[in-house]
Amino acid sequence: KNANLVRLYVKKCEYTDCDFSGADFR
């Protein structure tokens, strides 16, 4: 929640039941 994920790089990952409310994916 409200995490700064700007320029995040994700490869071959798995996300289950995760909450990204308000996150910054720019």
mmCIF file of all heavy atoms, coordinates in Angstrom:
data_MODEL
# 
_entry.id   MODEL 
# 
loop_
_atom_site.group_PDB 
_atom_site.id 
_atom_site.type_symbol 
_atom_site.label_atom_id 
_atom_site.label_alt_id 
_atom_site.label_comp_id 
_atom_site.label_asym_id 
_atom_site.label_entity_id 
_atom_site.label_seq_id 
_atom_site.pdbx_PDB_ins_code 
_atom_site.Cartn_x 
_atom_site.Cartn_y 
_atom_site.Cartn_z 
_atom_site.occupancy 
_atom_site.B_iso_or_equiv 
_atom_site.pdbx_formal_charge 
_atom_site.auth_seq_id 
_atom_site.auth_comp_id 
_atom_site.auth_asym_id 
_atom_site.auth_atom_id 
_atom_site.pdbx_PDB_model_num 
ATOM 1   N N   . LYS A 1 1  ? 0.827  -1.204  0.000   1.00 0.00 ? 1  LYS A N   1 
ATOM 2   C CA  . LYS A 1 1  ? 0.000  0.000   0.000   1.00 0.00 ? 1  LYS A CA  1 
ATOM 3   C C   . LYS A 1 1  ? 0.865  1.259   0.000   1.00 0.00 ? 1  LYS A C   1 
ATOM 4   O O   . LYS A 1 1  ? 1.766  1.404   0.824   1.00 0.00 ? 1  LYS A O   1 
ATOM 5   C CB  . LYS A 1 1  ? -0.926 0.009   1.220   1.00 0.00 ? 1  LYS A CB  1 
ATOM 6   C CG  . LYS A 1 1  ? -1.938 -1.120  1.236   1.00 0.00 ? 1  LYS A CG  1 
ATOM 7   C CD  . LYS A 1 1  ? -2.808 -1.060  2.486   1.00 0.00 ? 1  LYS A CD  1 
ATOM 8   C CE  . LYS A 1 1  ? -3.822 -2.193  2.515   1.00 0.00 ? 1  LYS A CE  1 
ATOM 9   N NZ  . LYS A 1 1  ? -4.657 -2.155  3.749   1.00 0.00 ? 1  LYS A NZ  1 
ATOM 10  N N   . ASN A 1 2  ? 0.590  2.144   -0.965  1.00 0.00 ? 2  ASN A N   1 
ATOM 11  C CA  . ASN A 1 2  ? 1.311  3.419   -1.089  1.00 0.00 ? 2  ASN A CA  1 
ATOM 12  C C   . ASN A 1 2  ? 2.819  3.235   -1.247  1.00 0.00 ? 2  ASN A C   1 
ATOM 13  O O   . ASN A 1 2  ? 3.597  4.127   -0.922  1.00 0.00 ? 2  ASN A O   1 
ATOM 14  C CB  . ASN A 1 2  ? 1.030  4.316   0.123   1.00 0.00 ? 2  ASN A CB  1 
ATOM 15  C CG  . ASN A 1 2  ? -0.446 4.617   0.279   1.00 0.00 ? 2  ASN A CG  1 
ATOM 16  O OD1 . ASN A 1 2  ? -1.063 5.206   -0.590  1.00 0.00 ? 2  ASN A OD1 1 
ATOM 17  N ND2 . ASN A 1 2  ? -1.019 4.181   1.389   1.00 0.00 ? 2  ASN A ND2 1 
ATOM 18  N N   . ALA A 1 3  ? 3.233  2.077   -1.758  1.00 0.00 ? 3  ALA A N   1 
ATOM 19  C CA  . ALA A 1 3  ? 4.662  1.832   -1.961  1.00 0.00 ? 3  ALA A CA  1 
ATOM 20  C C   . ALA A 1 3  ? 5.156  2.533   -3.227  1.00 0.00 ? 3  ALA A C   1 
ATOM 21  O O   . ALA A 1 3  ? 4.408  2.707   -4.196  1.00 0.00 ? 3  ALA A O   1 
ATOM 22  C CB  . ALA A 1 3  ? 4.926  0.332   -2.064  1.00 0.00 ? 3  ALA A CB  1 
ATOM 23  N N   . ASN A 1 4  ? 6.413  2.939   -3.210  1.00 0.00 ? 4  ASN A N   1 
ATOM 24  C CA  . ASN A 1 4  ? 7.055  3.548   -4.376  1.00 0.00 ? 4  ASN A CA  1 
ATOM 25  C C   . ASN A 1 4  ? 7.677  2.433   -5.213  1.00 0.00 ? 4  ASN A C   1 
ATOM 26  O O   . ASN A 1 4  ? 8.722  1.884   -4.856  1.00 0.00 ? 4  ASN A O   1 
ATOM 27  C CB  . ASN A 1 4  ? 8.128  4.540   -3.910  1.00 0.00 ? 4  ASN A CB  1 
ATOM 28  C CG  . ASN A 1 4  ? 8.751  5.279   -5.082  1.00 0.00 ? 4  ASN A CG  1 
ATOM 29  O OD1 . ASN A 1 4  ? 8.567  4.913   -6.245  1.00 0.00 ? 4  ASN A OD1 1 
ATOM 30  N ND2 . ASN A 1 4  ? 9.497  6.334   -4.790  1.00 0.00 ? 4  ASN A ND2 1 
ATOM 31  N N   . LEU A 1 5  ? 7.018  2.098   -6.325  1.00 0.00 ? 5  LEU A N   1 
ATOM 32  C CA  . LEU A 1 5  ? 7.481  1.028   -7.208  1.00 0.00 ? 5  LEU A CA  1 
ATOM 33  C C   . LEU A 1 5  ? 7.904  1.585   -8.566  1.00 0.00 ? 5  LEU A C   1 
ATOM 34  O O   . LEU A 1 5  ? 7.880  0.874   -9.579  1.00 0.00 ? 5  LEU A O   1 
ATOM 35  C CB  . LEU A 1 5  ? 6.371  -0.011  -7.390  1.00 0.00 ? 5  LEU A CB  1 
ATOM 36  C CG  . LEU A 1 5  ? 5.733  -0.556  -6.108  1.00 0.00 ? 5  LEU A CG  1 
ATOM 37  C CD1 . LEU A 1 5  ? 4.631  -1.566  -6.434  1.00 0.00 ? 5  LEU A CD1 1 
ATOM 38  C CD2 . LEU A 1 5  ? 6.783  -1.191  -5.206  1.00 0.00 ? 5  LEU A CD2 1 
ATOM 39  N N   . VAL A 1 6  ? 8.303  2.843   -8.585  1.00 0.00 ? 6  VAL A N   1 
ATOM 40  C CA  . VAL A 1 6  ? 8.730  3.483   -9.826  1.00 0.00 ? 6  VAL A CA  1 
ATOM 41  C C   . VAL A 1 6  ? 9.938  2.745   -10.408 1.00 0.00 ? 6  VAL A C   1 
ATOM 42  O O   . VAL A 1 6  ? 10.892 2.424   -9.680  1.00 0.00 ? 6  VAL A O   1 
ATOM 43  C CB  . VAL A 1 6  ? 9.078  4.971   -9.577  1.00 0.00 ? 6  VAL A CB  1 
ATOM 44  C CG1 . VAL A 1 6  ? 9.675  5.601   -10.838 1.00 0.00 ? 6  VAL A CG1 1 
ATOM 45  C CG2 . VAL A 1 6  ? 7.836  5.736   -9.149  1.00 0.00 ? 6  VAL A CG2 1 
ATOM 46  N N   . ARG A 1 7  ? 9.863  2.435   -11.688 1.00 0.00 ? 7  ARG A N   1 
ATOM 47  C CA  . ARG A 1 7  ? 10.935 1.732   -12.404 1.00 0.00 ? 7  ARG A CA  1 
ATOM 48  C C   . ARG A 1 7  ? 11.226 0.338   -11.822 1.00 0.00 ? 7  ARG A C   1 
ATOM 49  O O   . ARG A 1 7  ? 12.318 -0.209  -12.014 1.00 0.00 ? 7  ARG A O   1 
ATOM 50  C CB  . ARG A 1 7  ? 12.222 2.558   -12.452 1.00 0.00 ? 7  ARG A CB  1 
ATOM 51  C CG  . ARG A 1 7  ? 12.100 3.855   -13.257 1.00 0.00 ? 7  ARG A CG  1 
ATOM 52  C CD  . ARG A 1 7  ? 13.431 4.563   -13.341 1.00 0.00 ? 7  ARG A CD  1 
ATOM 53  N NE  . ARG A 1 7  ? 13.325 5.835   -14.039 1.00 0.00 ? 7  ARG A NE  1 
ATOM 54  C CZ  . ARG A 1 7  ? 13.413 5.990   -15.357 1.00 0.00 ? 7  ARG A CZ  1 
ATOM 55  N NH1 . ARG A 1 7  ? 13.591 4.928   -16.125 1.00 0.00 ? 7  ARG A NH1 1 
ATOM 56  N NH2 . ARG A 1 7  ? 13.319 7.179   -15.910 1.00 0.00 ? 7  ARG A NH2 1 
ATOM 57  N N   . LEU A 1 8  ? 10.283 -0.220  -11.131 1.00 0.00 ? 8  LEU A N   1 
ATOM 58  C CA  . LEU A 1 8  ? 10.429 -1.582  -10.626 1.00 0.00 ? 8  LEU A CA  1 
ATOM 59  C C   . LEU A 1 8  ? 10.596 -2.551  -11.800 1.00 0.00 ? 8  LEU A C   1 
ATOM 60  O O   . LEU A 1 8  ? 9.964  -2.398  -12.847 1.00 0.00 ? 8  LEU A O   1 
ATOM 61  C CB  . LEU A 1 8  ? 9.183  -1.963  -9.826  1.00 0.00 ? 8  LEU A CB  1 
ATOM 62  C CG  . LEU A 1 8  ? 9.113  -3.382  -9.256  1.00 0.00 ? 8  LEU A CG  1 
ATOM 63  C CD1 . LEU A 1 8  ? 10.103 -3.533  -8.108  1.00 0.00 ? 8  LEU A CD1 1 
ATOM 64  C CD2 . LEU A 1 8  ? 7.693  -3.680  -8.772  1.00 0.00 ? 8  LEU A CD2 1 
ATOM 65  N N   . TYR A 1 9  ? 11.421 -3.568  -11.623 1.00 0.00 ? 9  TYR A N   1 
ATOM 66  C CA  . TYR A 1 9  ? 11.644 -4.589  -12.651 1.00 0.00 ? 9  TYR A CA  1 
ATOM 67  C C   . TYR A 1 9  ? 11.242 -5.936  -12.065 1.00 0.00 ? 9  TYR A C   1 
ATOM 68  O O   . TYR A 1 9  ? 11.785 -6.358  -11.038 1.00 0.00 ? 9  TYR A O   1 
ATOM 69  C CB  . TYR A 1 9  ? 13.112 -4.601  -13.067 1.00 0.00 ? 9  TYR A CB  1 
ATOM 70  C CG  . TYR A 1 9  ? 13.488 -5.675  -14.072 1.00 0.00 ? 9  TYR A CG  1 
ATOM 71  C CD1 . TYR A 1 9  ? 13.400 -5.436  -15.444 1.00 0.00 ? 9  TYR A CD1 1 
ATOM 72  C CD2 . TYR A 1 9  ? 13.940 -6.922  -13.647 1.00 0.00 ? 9  TYR A CD2 1 
ATOM 73  C CE1 . TYR A 1 9  ? 13.759 -6.419  -16.369 1.00 0.00 ? 9  TYR A CE1 1 
ATOM 74  C CE2 . TYR A 1 9  ? 14.302 -7.905  -14.558 1.00 0.00 ? 9  TYR A CE2 1 
ATOM 75  C CZ  . TYR A 1 9  ? 14.214 -7.647  -15.916 1.00 0.00 ? 9  TYR A CZ  1 
ATOM 76  O OH  . TYR A 1 9  ? 14.564 -8.619  -16.829 1.00 0.00 ? 9  TYR A OH  1 
ATOM 77  N N   . VAL A 1 10 ? 10.279 -6.590  -12.702 1.00 0.00 ? 10 VAL A N   1 
ATOM 78  C CA  . VAL A 1 10 ? 9.768  -7.870  -12.196 1.00 0.00 ? 10 VAL A CA  1 
ATOM 79  C C   . VAL A 1 10 ? 9.876  -8.918  -13.285 1.00 0.00 ? 10 VAL A C   1 
ATOM 80  O O   . VAL A 1 10 ? 9.382  -8.732  -14.400 1.00 0.00 ? 10 VAL A O   1 
ATOM 81  C CB  . VAL A 1 10 ? 8.299  -7.731  -11.744 1.00 0.00 ? 10 VAL A CB  1 
ATOM 82  C CG1 . VAL A 1 10 ? 7.732  -9.085  -11.399 1.00 0.00 ? 10 VAL A CG1 1 
ATOM 83  C CG2 . VAL A 1 10 ? 8.201  -6.795  -10.548 1.00 0.00 ? 10 VAL A CG2 1 
ATOM 84  N N   . LYS A 1 11 ? 10.529 -10.034 -12.982 1.00 0.00 ? 11 LYS A N   1 
ATOM 85  C CA  . LYS A 1 11 ? 10.731 -11.103 -13.968 1.00 0.00 ? 11 LYS A CA  1 
ATOM 86  C C   . LYS A 1 11 ? 10.435 -12.462 -13.325 1.00 0.00 ? 11 LYS A C   1 
ATOM 87  O O   . LYS A 1 11 ? 10.948 -12.772 -12.254 1.00 0.00 ? 11 LYS A O   1 
ATOM 88  C CB  . LYS A 1 11 ? 12.169 -11.067 -14.477 1.00 0.00 ? 11 LYS A CB  1 
ATOM 89  C CG  . LYS A 1 11 ? 12.550 -12.190 -15.434 1.00 0.00 ? 11 LYS A CG  1 
ATOM 90  C CD  . LYS A 1 11 ? 14.009 -12.042 -15.878 1.00 0.00 ? 11 LYS A CD  1 
ATOM 91  C CE  . LYS A 1 11 ? 14.432 -13.163 -16.825 1.00 0.00 ? 11 LYS A CE  1 
ATOM 92  N NZ  . LYS A 1 11 ? 15.845 -13.029 -17.250 1.00 0.00 ? 11 LYS A NZ  1 
ATOM 93  N N   . LYS A 1 12 ? 9.588  -13.258 -13.969 1.00 0.00 ? 12 LYS A N   1 
ATOM 94  C CA  . LYS A 1 12 ? 9.283  -14.633 -13.533 1.00 0.00 ? 12 LYS A CA  1 
ATOM 95  C C   . LYS A 1 12 ? 8.860  -14.701 -12.069 1.00 0.00 ? 12 LYS A C   1 
ATOM 96  O O   . LYS A 1 12 ? 9.256  -15.609 -11.338 1.00 0.00 ? 12 LYS A O   1 
ATOM 97  C CB  . LYS A 1 12 ? 10.496 -15.541 -13.745 1.00 0.00 ? 12 LYS A CB  1 
ATOM 98  C CG  . LYS A 1 12 ? 10.872 -15.808 -15.186 1.00 0.00 ? 12 LYS A CG  1 
ATOM 99  C CD  . LYS A 1 12 ? 12.035 -16.790 -15.254 1.00 0.00 ? 12 LYS A CD  1 
ATOM 100 C CE  . LYS A 1 12 ? 12.402 -17.118 -16.691 1.00 0.00 ? 12 LYS A CE  1 
ATOM 101 N NZ  . LYS A 1 12 ? 13.537 -18.068 -16.764 1.00 0.00 ? 12 LYS A NZ  1 
ATOM 102 N N   . CYS A 1 13 ? 8.018  -13.773 -11.640 1.00 0.00 ? 13 CYS A N   1 
ATOM 103 C CA  . CYS A 1 13 ? 7.591  -13.765 -10.245 1.00 0.00 ? 13 CYS A CA  1 
ATOM 104 C C   . CYS A 1 13 ? 6.130  -14.206 -10.108 1.00 0.00 ? 13 CYS A C   1 
ATOM 105 O O   . CYS A 1 13 ? 5.392  -14.269 -11.091 1.00 0.00 ? 13 CYS A O   1 
ATOM 106 C CB  . CYS A 1 13 ? 7.762  -12.366 -9.648  1.00 0.00 ? 13 CYS A CB  1 
ATOM 107 S SG  . CYS A 1 13 ? 9.496  -11.869 -9.442  1.00 0.00 ? 13 CYS A SG  1 
ATOM 108 N N   . GLU A 1 14 ? 5.734  -14.499 -8.877  1.00 0.00 ? 14 GLU A N   1 
ATOM 109 C CA  . GLU A 1 14 ? 4.354  -14.853 -8.570  1.00 0.00 ? 14 GLU A CA  1 
ATOM 110 C C   . GLU A 1 14 ? 3.874  -14.010 -7.390  1.00 0.00 ? 14 GLU A C   1 
ATOM 111 O O   . GLU A 1 14 ? 4.535  -13.949 -6.353  1.00 0.00 ? 14 GLU A O   1 
ATOM 112 C CB  . GLU A 1 14 ? 4.217  -16.333 -8.221  1.00 0.00 ? 14 GLU A CB  1 
ATOM 113 C CG  . GLU A 1 14 ? 4.447  -17.277 -9.391  1.00 0.00 ? 14 GLU A CG  1 
ATOM 114 C CD  . GLU A 1 14 ? 4.111  -18.722 -9.031  1.00 0.00 ? 14 GLU A CD  1 
ATOM 115 O OE1 . GLU A 1 14 ? 3.469  -18.925 -7.978  1.00 0.00 ? 14 GLU A OE1 1 
ATOM 116 O OE2 . GLU A 1 14 ? 4.508  -19.616 -9.788  1.00 0.00 ? 14 GLU A OE2 1 
ATOM 117 N N   . TYR A 1 15 ? 2.727  -13.358 -7.582  1.00 0.00 ? 15 TYR A N   1 
ATOM 118 C CA  . TYR A 1 15 ? 2.098  -12.575 -6.518  1.00 0.00 ? 15 TYR A CA  1 
ATOM 119 C C   . TYR A 1 15 ? 0.713  -13.159 -6.269  1.00 0.00 ? 15 TYR A C   1 
ATOM 120 O O   . TYR A 1 15 ? -0.105 -13.260 -7.196  1.00 0.00 ? 15 TYR A O   1 
ATOM 121 C CB  . TYR A 1 15 ? 1.952  -11.104 -6.930  1.00 0.00 ? 15 TYR A CB  1 
ATOM 122 C CG  . TYR A 1 15 ? 3.253  -10.349 -7.096  1.00 0.00 ? 15 TYR A CG  1 
ATOM 123 C CD1 . TYR A 1 15 ? 3.980  -10.441 -8.280  1.00 0.00 ? 15 TYR A CD1 1 
ATOM 124 C CD2 . TYR A 1 15 ? 3.737  -9.521  -6.087  1.00 0.00 ? 15 TYR A CD2 1 
ATOM 125 C CE1 . TYR A 1 15 ? 5.166  -9.743  -8.452  1.00 0.00 ? 15 TYR A CE1 1 
ATOM 126 C CE2 . TYR A 1 15 ? 4.925  -8.807  -6.246  1.00 0.00 ? 15 TYR A CE2 1 
ATOM 127 C CZ  . TYR A 1 15 ? 5.629  -8.935  -7.436  1.00 0.00 ? 15 TYR A CZ  1 
ATOM 128 O OH  . TYR A 1 15 ? 6.806  -8.227  -7.594  1.00 0.00 ? 15 TYR A OH  1 
ATOM 129 N N   . THR A 1 16 ? 0.417  -13.537 -5.026  1.00 0.00 ? 16 THR A N   1 
ATOM 130 C CA  . THR A 1 16 ? -0.872 -14.109 -4.683  1.00 0.00 ? 16 THR A CA  1 
ATOM 131 C C   . THR A 1 16 ? -1.453 -13.370 -3.476  1.00 0.00 ? 16 THR A C   1 
ATOM 132 O O   . THR A 1 16 ? -0.768 -13.204 -2.459  1.00 0.00 ? 16 THR A O   1 
ATOM 133 C CB  . THR A 1 16 ? -0.734 -15.612 -4.343  1.00 0.00 ? 16 THR A CB  1 
ATOM 134 O OG1 . THR A 1 16 ? -0.134 -16.292 -5.454  1.00 0.00 ? 16 THR A OG1 1 
ATOM 135 C CG2 . THR A 1 16 ? -2.092 -16.228 -4.070  1.00 0.00 ? 16 THR A CG2 1 
ATOM 136 N N   . ASP A 1 17 ? -2.697 -12.904 -3.622  1.00 0.00 ? 17 ASP A N   1 
ATOM 137 C CA  . ASP A 1 17 ? -3.393 -12.209 -2.527  1.00 0.00 ? 17 ASP A CA  1 
ATOM 138 C C   . ASP A 1 17 ? -2.575 -11.027 -2.009  1.00 0.00 ? 17 ASP A C   1 
ATOM 139 O O   . ASP A 1 17 ? -2.391 -10.854 -0.793  1.00 0.00 ? 17 ASP A O   1 
ATOM 140 C CB  . ASP A 1 17 ? -3.705 -13.182 -1.380  1.00 0.00 ? 17 ASP A CB  1 
ATOM 141 C CG  . ASP A 1 17 ? -4.667 -14.273 -1.796  1.00 0.00 ? 17 ASP A CG  1 
ATOM 142 O OD1 . ASP A 1 17 ? -5.670 -13.957 -2.446  1.00 0.00 ? 17 ASP A OD1 1 
ATOM 143 O OD2 . ASP A 1 17 ? -4.398 -15.453 -1.484  1.00 0.00 ? 17 ASP A OD2 1 
ATOM 144 N N   . CYS A 1 18 ? -2.087 -10.203 -2.914  1.00 0.00 ? 18 CYS A N   1 
ATOM 145 C CA  . CYS A 1 18 ? -1.302 -9.023  -2.537  1.00 0.00 ? 18 CYS A CA  1 
ATOM 146 C C   . CYS A 1 18 ? -2.104 -7.743  -2.784  1.00 0.00 ? 18 CYS A C   1 
ATOM 147 O O   . CYS A 1 18 ? -2.910 -7.665  -3.711  1.00 0.00 ? 18 CYS A O   1 
ATOM 148 C CB  . CYS A 1 18 ? 0.005  -8.978  -3.327  1.00 0.00 ? 18 CYS A CB  1 
ATOM 149 S SG  . CYS A 1 18 ? 1.156  -10.321 -2.918  1.00 0.00 ? 18 CYS A SG  1 
ATOM 150 N N   . ASP A 1 19 ? -1.874 -6.752  -1.937  1.00 0.00 ? 19 ASP A N   1 
ATOM 151 C CA  . ASP A 1 19 ? -2.620 -5.494  -2.003  1.00 0.00 ? 19 ASP A CA  1 
ATOM 152 C C   . ASP A 1 19 ? -1.673 -4.367  -2.426  1.00 0.00 ? 19 ASP A C   1 
ATOM 153 O O   . ASP A 1 19 ? -0.745 -4.014  -1.694  1.00 0.00 ? 19 ASP A O   1 
ATOM 154 C CB  . ASP A 1 19 ? -3.233 -5.189  -0.637  1.00 0.00 ? 19 ASP A CB  1 
ATOM 155 C CG  . ASP A 1 19 ? -4.199 -4.009  -0.677  1.00 0.00 ? 19 ASP A CG  1 
ATOM 156 O OD1 . ASP A 1 19 ? -4.208 -3.275  -1.690  1.00 0.00 ? 19 ASP A OD1 1 
ATOM 157 O OD2 . ASP A 1 19 ? -4.948 -3.822  0.301   1.00 0.00 ? 19 ASP A OD2 1 
ATOM 158 N N   . PHE A 1 20 ? -1.922 -3.806  -3.630  1.00 0.00 ? 20 PHE A N   1 
ATOM 159 C CA  . PHE A 1 20 ? -1.103 -2.724  -4.166  1.00 0.00 ? 20 PHE A CA  1 
ATOM 160 C C   . PHE A 1 20 ? -1.838 -1.387  -4.105  1.00 0.00 ? 20 PHE A C   1 
ATOM 161 O O   . PHE A 1 20 ? -1.488 -0.458  -4.844  1.00 0.00 ? 20 PHE A O   1 
ATOM 162 C CB  . PHE A 1 20 ? -0.724 -3.022  -5.614  1.00 0.00 ? 20 PHE A CB  1 
ATOM 163 C CG  . PHE A 1 20 ? 0.194  -4.201  -5.793  1.00 0.00 ? 20 PHE A CG  1 
ATOM 164 C CD1 . PHE A 1 20 ? -0.318 -5.455  -6.092  1.00 0.00 ? 20 PHE A CD1 1 
ATOM 165 C CD2 . PHE A 1 20 ? 1.568  -4.053  -5.675  1.00 0.00 ? 20 PHE A CD2 1 
ATOM 166 C CE1 . PHE A 1 20 ? 0.518  -6.549  -6.271  1.00 0.00 ? 20 PHE A CE1 1 
ATOM 167 C CE2 . PHE A 1 20 ? 2.407  -5.139  -5.850  1.00 0.00 ? 20 PHE A CE2 1 
ATOM 168 C CZ  . PHE A 1 20 ? 1.882  -6.382  -6.143  1.00 0.00 ? 20 PHE A CZ  1 
ATOM 169 N N   . SER A 1 21 ? -2.830 -1.247  -3.263  1.00 0.00 ? 21 SER A N   1 
ATOM 170 C CA  . SER A 1 21 ? -3.622 -0.018  -3.206  1.00 0.00 ? 21 SER A CA  1 
ATOM 171 C C   . SER A 1 21 ? -2.724 1.209   -3.026  1.00 0.00 ? 21 SER A C   1 
ATOM 172 O O   . SER A 1 21 ? -1.890 1.257   -2.114  1.00 0.00 ? 21 SER A O   1 
ATOM 173 C CB  . SER A 1 21 ? -4.625 -0.087  -2.049  1.00 0.00 ? 21 SER A CB  1 
ATOM 174 O OG  . SER A 1 21 ? -5.539 -1.130  -2.242  1.00 0.00 ? 21 SER A OG  1 
ATOM 175 N N   . GLY A 1 22 ? -2.893 2.187   -3.919  1.00 0.00 ? 22 GLY A N   1 
ATOM 176 C CA  . GLY A 1 22 ? -2.134 3.429   -3.822  1.00 0.00 ? 22 GLY A CA  1 
ATOM 177 C C   . GLY A 1 22 ? -0.683 3.326   -4.252  1.00 0.00 ? 22 GLY A C   1 
ATOM 178 O O   . GLY A 1 22 ? 0.071  4.306   -4.137  1.00 0.00 ? 22 GLY A O   1 
ATOM 179 N N   . ALA A 1 23 ? -0.247 2.178   -4.771  1.00 0.00 ? 23 ALA A N   1 
ATOM 180 C CA  . ALA A 1 23 ? 1.164  2.011   -5.166  1.00 0.00 ? 23 ALA A CA  1 
ATOM 181 C C   . ALA A 1 23 ? 1.472  2.801   -6.433  1.00 0.00 ? 23 ALA A C   1 
ATOM 182 O O   . ALA A 1 23 ? 0.603  3.054   -7.270  1.00 0.00 ? 23 ALA A O   1 
ATOM 183 C CB  . ALA A 1 23 ? 1.478  0.533   -5.376  1.00 0.00 ? 23 ALA A CB  1 
ATOM 184 N N   . ASP A 1 24 ? 2.716  3.184   -6.573  1.00 0.00 ? 24 ASP A N   1 
ATOM 185 C CA  . ASP A 1 24 ? 3.182  3.973   -7.716  1.00 0.00 ? 24 ASP A CA  1 
ATOM 186 C C   . ASP A 1 24 ? 3.974  3.077   -8.658  1.00 0.00 ? 24 ASP A C   1 
ATOM 187 O O   . ASP A 1 24 ? 5.132  2.747   -8.396  1.00 0.00 ? 24 ASP A O   1 
ATOM 188 C CB  . ASP A 1 24 ? 4.060  5.125   -7.226  1.00 0.00 ? 24 ASP A CB  1 
ATOM 189 C CG  . ASP A 1 24 ? 4.360  6.136   -8.322  1.00 0.00 ? 24 ASP A CG  1 
ATOM 190 O OD1 . ASP A 1 24 ? 4.166  5.804   -9.514  1.00 0.00 ? 24 ASP A OD1 1 
ATOM 191 O OD2 . ASP A 1 24 ? 4.790  7.256   -7.994  1.00 0.00 ? 24 ASP A OD2 1 
ATOM 192 N N   . PHE A 1 25 ? 3.342  2.654   -9.772  1.00 0.00 ? 25 PHE A N   1 
ATOM 193 C CA  . PHE A 1 25 ? 3.960  1.772   -10.758 1.00 0.00 ? 25 PHE A CA  1 
ATOM 194 C C   . PHE A 1 25 ? 4.538  2.532   -11.952 1.00 0.00 ? 25 PHE A C   1 
ATOM 195 O O   . PHE A 1 25 ? 4.828  1.925   -12.979 1.00 0.00 ? 25 PHE A O   1 
ATOM 196 C CB  . PHE A 1 25 ? 2.923  0.785   -11.305 1.00 0.00 ? 25 PHE A CB  1 
ATOM 197 C CG  . PHE A 1 25 ? 2.597  -0.369  -10.403 1.00 0.00 ? 25 PHE A CG  1 
ATOM 198 C CD1 . PHE A 1 25 ? 1.389  -0.418  -9.729  1.00 0.00 ? 25 PHE A CD1 1 
ATOM 199 C CD2 . PHE A 1 25 ? 3.486  -1.414  -10.245 1.00 0.00 ? 25 PHE A CD2 1 
ATOM 200 C CE1 . PHE A 1 25 ? 1.063  -1.487  -8.922  1.00 0.00 ? 25 PHE A CE1 1 
ATOM 201 C CE2 . PHE A 1 25 ? 3.175  -2.498  -9.433  1.00 0.00 ? 25 PHE A CE2 1 
ATOM 202 C CZ  . PHE A 1 25 ? 1.962  -2.531  -8.769  1.00 0.00 ? 25 PHE A CZ  1 
ATOM 203 N N   . ARG A 1 26 ? 4.683  3.829   -11.859 1.00 0.00 ? 26 ARG A N   1 
ATOM 204 C CA  . ARG A 1 26 ? 5.125  4.592   -13.024 1.00 0.00 ? 26 ARG A CA  1 
ATOM 205 C C   . ARG A 1 26 ? 6.481  4.092   -13.547 1.00 0.00 ? 26 ARG A C   1 
ATOM 206 O O   . ARG A 1 26 ? 7.408  3.877   -12.783 1.00 0.00 ? 26 ARG A O   1 
ATOM 207 C CB  . ARG A 1 26 ? 5.198  6.078   -12.683 1.00 0.00 ? 26 ARG A CB  1 
ATOM 208 C CG  . ARG A 1 26 ? 3.827  6.736   -12.548 1.00 0.00 ? 26 ARG A CG  1 
ATOM 209 C CD  . ARG A 1 26 ? 3.917  8.187   -12.178 1.00 0.00 ? 26 ARG A CD  1 
ATOM 210 N NE  . ARG A 1 26 ? 4.518  8.356   -10.852 1.00 0.00 ? 26 ARG A NE  1 
ATOM 211 C CZ  . ARG A 1 26 ? 4.808  9.538   -10.314 1.00 0.00 ? 26 ARG A CZ  1 
ATOM 212 N NH1 . ARG A 1 26 ? 4.572  10.641  -10.983 1.00 0.00 ? 26 ARG A NH1 1 
ATOM 213 N NH2 . ARG A 1 26 ? 5.330  9.600   -9.099  1.00 0.00 ? 26 ARG A NH2 1 
# 
